C-alpha atoms as a PDB file:
ATOM      1  CA  MET A   1     121.000 320.682  33.267  1.00  0.00           C
ATOM      2  CA  SER A   2     119.199 317.150  32.454  1.00  0.00           C
ATOM      3  CA  LEU A   3     116.399 315.866  33.351  1.00  0.00           C
ATOM      4  CA  GLN A   4     118.035 313.584  35.581  1.00  0.00           C
ATOM      5  CA  ASP A   5     120.302 315.644  37.295  1.00  0.00           C
ATOM      6  CA  GLU A   6     117.102 317.995  37.491  1.00  0.00           C
ATOM      7  CA  LEU A   7     116.148 315.048  39.907  1.00  0.00           C
ATOM      8  CA  THR A   8     119.132 314.061  42.055  1.00  0.00           C
ATOM      9  CA  ALA A   9     118.970 317.768  42.727  1.00  0.00           C
ATOM     10  CA  VAL A  10     115.477 317.208  44.509  1.00  0.00           C
ATOM     11  CA  GLU A  11     116.511 314.188  46.173  1.00  0.00           C
ATOM     12  CA  ARG A  12     119.303 316.470  47.620  1.00  0.00           C
ATOM     13  CA  SER A  13     117.586 318.956  48.686  1.00  0.00           C
ATOM     14  CA  LEU A  14     115.111 316.746  49.993  1.00  0.00           C
ATOM     15  CA  ASP A  15     117.175 314.217  51.901  1.00  0.00           C
ATOM     16  CA  GLU A  16     118.626 318.141  53.741  1.00  0.00           C
ATOM     17  CA  LEU A  17     114.833 318.456  54.597  1.00  0.00           C
ATOM     18  CA  ILE A  18     114.095 315.705  56.144  1.00  0.00           C
ATOM     19  CA  ARG A  19     117.601 315.853  57.932  1.00  0.00           C
ATOM     20  CA  SER A  20     116.816 319.194  59.306  1.00  0.00           C
ATOM     21  CA  VAL A  21     112.929 318.184  60.188  1.00  0.00           C
ATOM     22  CA  GLY A  22     114.682 315.467  61.889  1.00  0.00           C
ATOM     23  CA  ARG A  23     117.468 317.512  63.650  1.00  0.00           C
ATOM     24  CA  LEU A  24     114.178 320.358  64.982  1.00  0.00           C
ATOM     25  CA  GLU A  25     112.604 317.280  66.502  1.00  0.00           C
ATOM     26  CA  ALA A  26     115.080 316.403  68.597  1.00  0.00           C
ATOM     27  CA  ARG A  27     114.681 320.216  69.937  1.00  0.00           C
ATOM     28  CA  ILE A  28     111.507 320.361  70.304  1.00  0.00           C
ATOM     29  CA  GLY A  29     110.125 316.874  70.057  1.00  0.00           C
ATOM     30  CA  ALA A  30     107.596 314.400  68.843  1.00  0.00           C
ATOM     31  CA  GLY A  31     104.904 316.899  69.561  1.00  0.00           C
ATOM     32  CA  LEU A  32     101.782 316.575  66.531  1.00  0.00           C
ATOM     33  CA  ASP A  33     102.800 318.953  64.167  1.00  0.00           C
ATOM     34  CA  ILE A  34     106.845 317.876  63.761  1.00  0.00           C
ATOM     35  CA  ARG A  35     104.990 314.527  62.986  1.00  0.00           C
ATOM     36  CA  ARG A  36     102.661 315.712  60.506  1.00  0.00           C
ATOM     37  CA  VAL A  37     106.245 317.879  59.181  1.00  0.00           C
ATOM     38  CA  ARG A  38     107.428 314.643  59.130  1.00  0.00           C
ATOM     39  CA  SER A  39     104.947 312.719  57.385  1.00  0.00           C
ATOM     40  CA  ASP A  40     104.763 315.214  54.874  1.00  0.00           C
ATOM     41  CA  THR A  41     108.102 314.926  54.062  1.00  0.00           C
ATOM     42  CA  ASP A  42     107.911 310.747  53.939  1.00  0.00           C
ATOM     43  CA  HIS A  43     105.220 311.662  51.512  1.00  0.00           C
ATOM     44  CA  LEU A  44     107.273 313.582  49.586  1.00  0.00           C
ATOM     45  CA  ARG A  45     109.917 311.133  49.250  1.00  0.00           C
ATOM     46  CA  GLU A  46     107.570 308.515  48.116  1.00  0.00           C
ATOM     47  CA  SER A  47     106.179 310.999  45.387  1.00  0.00           C
ATOM     48  CA  LEU A  48     110.329 311.367  44.243  1.00  0.00           C
ATOM     49  CA  ALA A  49     110.292 307.720  43.799  1.00  0.00           C
ATOM     50  CA  LEU A  50     107.309 307.320  41.780  1.00  0.00           C
ATOM     51  CA  LEU A  51     107.991 310.524  39.746  1.00  0.00           C
ATOM     52  CA  LYS A  52     111.825 308.936  39.056  1.00  0.00           C
ATOM     53  CA  GLN A  53     110.070 305.926  38.054  1.00  0.00           C
ATOM     54  CA  SER A  54     107.929 307.177  35.891  1.00  0.00           C
ATOM     55  CA  VAL A  55     110.952 308.652  33.768  1.00  0.00           C
ATOM     56  CA  ALA A  56     112.616 306.285  33.756  1.00  0.00           C
ATOM     57  CA  ALA A  57     110.210 304.234  32.151  1.00  0.00           C
ATOM     58  CA  GLY A  58     109.975 306.791  29.302  1.00  0.00           C
ATOM     59  CA  PRO A  59     107.020 308.962  28.457  1.00  0.00           C
ATOM     60  CA  PRO A  60     103.428 308.286  29.025  1.00  0.00           C
ATOM     61  CA  GLY A  61     101.797 306.441  25.616  1.00  0.00           C
ATOM     62  CA  ARG A  62      98.541 306.456  24.785  1.00  0.00           C
ATOM     63  CA  PRO A  63      97.246 302.428  23.947  1.00  0.00           C
ATOM     64  CA  GLY A  64      97.241 302.240  20.232  1.00  0.00           C
ATOM     65  CA  ALA A  65      98.143 305.918  19.507  1.00  0.00           C
ATOM     66  CA  ALA A  66     100.793 304.913  16.687  1.00  0.00           C
ATOM     67  CA  ASP A  67      97.785 303.369  15.376  1.00  0.00           C
ATOM     68  CA  GLU A  68      95.773 306.311  14.722  1.00  0.00           C
ATOM     69  CA  GLU A  69      95.236 308.151  11.719  1.00  0.00           C
ATOM     70  CA  MET A  70      94.952 311.786  10.685  1.00  0.00           C
ATOM     71  CA  VAL A  71      91.525 313.128   9.484  1.00  0.00           C
ATOM     72  CA  PRO A  72      91.967 316.158   7.733  1.00  0.00           C
ATOM     73  CA  ILE A  73      88.774 318.685   8.611  1.00  0.00           C
ATOM     74  CA  SER A  74      87.959 320.783   5.999  1.00  0.00           C
ATOM     75  CA  ASP A  75      87.131 324.299   6.591  1.00  0.00           C
ATOM     76  CA  ALA A  76      84.685 325.116   4.337  1.00  0.00           C
ATOM     77  CA  PRO A  77      81.410 326.103   5.820  1.00  0.00           C
ATOM     78  CA  TYR A  78      78.754 323.493   6.930  1.00  0.00           C
ATOM     79  CA  ASN A  79      75.657 323.064   5.161  1.00  0.00           C
ATOM     80  CA  SER A  80      72.651 324.697   7.326  1.00  0.00           C
ATOM     81  CA  ALA A  81      70.197 321.928   6.417  1.00  0.00           C
ATOM     82  CA  LEU A  82      72.414 319.567   8.426  1.00  0.00           C
ATOM     83  CA  TRP A  83      70.885 321.844  11.452  1.00  0.00           C
ATOM     84  CA  THR A  84      67.683 322.168  10.424  1.00  0.00           C
ATOM     85  CA  ASP A  85      65.847 320.041  13.041  1.00  0.00           C
ATOM     86  CA  ALA A  86      68.665 320.356  15.324  1.00  0.00           C
ATOM     87  CA  GLU A  87      67.266 321.687  19.237  1.00  0.00           C
ATOM     88  CA  ASP A  88      69.437 324.455  20.082  1.00  0.00           C
ATOM     89  CA  GLU A  89      71.247 324.295  23.274  1.00  0.00           C
ATOM     90  CA  GLY A  90      69.187 321.382  24.336  1.00  0.00           C
ATOM     91  CA  LEU A  91      65.958 323.077  25.352  1.00  0.00           C
ATOM     92  CA  GLY A  92      63.612 321.156  23.537  1.00  0.00           C
ATOM     93  CA  SER A  93      61.191 322.942  20.952  1.00  0.00           C
ATOM     94  CA  ARG A  94      61.155 324.583  18.077  1.00  0.00           C
ATOM     95  CA  ASN A  95      59.964 327.573  19.468  1.00  0.00           C
ATOM     96  CA  GLY A  96      63.197 328.298  21.328  1.00  0.00           C
ATOM     97  CA  HIS A  97      61.198 327.909  24.702  1.00  0.00           C
ATOM     98  CA  ALA A  98      61.804 325.494  27.290  1.00  0.00           C
ATOM     99  CA  PRO A  99      58.534 323.398  27.696  1.00  0.00           C
END
């Protein structure tokens, strides 16, 4: 099943849910609980519309992603002299104890 078919199936299911909520509202009245469910279904409809728009626009790209160059990083160990004066875990003292 294609992505468009999946979105269409979700849209049909959501339409049926909205119709069912409408029938339920007609039977039990417009109380707070049913208004919350109605609001949730409205939000789902809006979210699905946004999802369909983003899918139609294509995959999200990062700005400049095509211009990025891969930089190889060697698997060889680093020279330990690079870390001689480094602080351990940000404690800030050479003896390893917090000040």
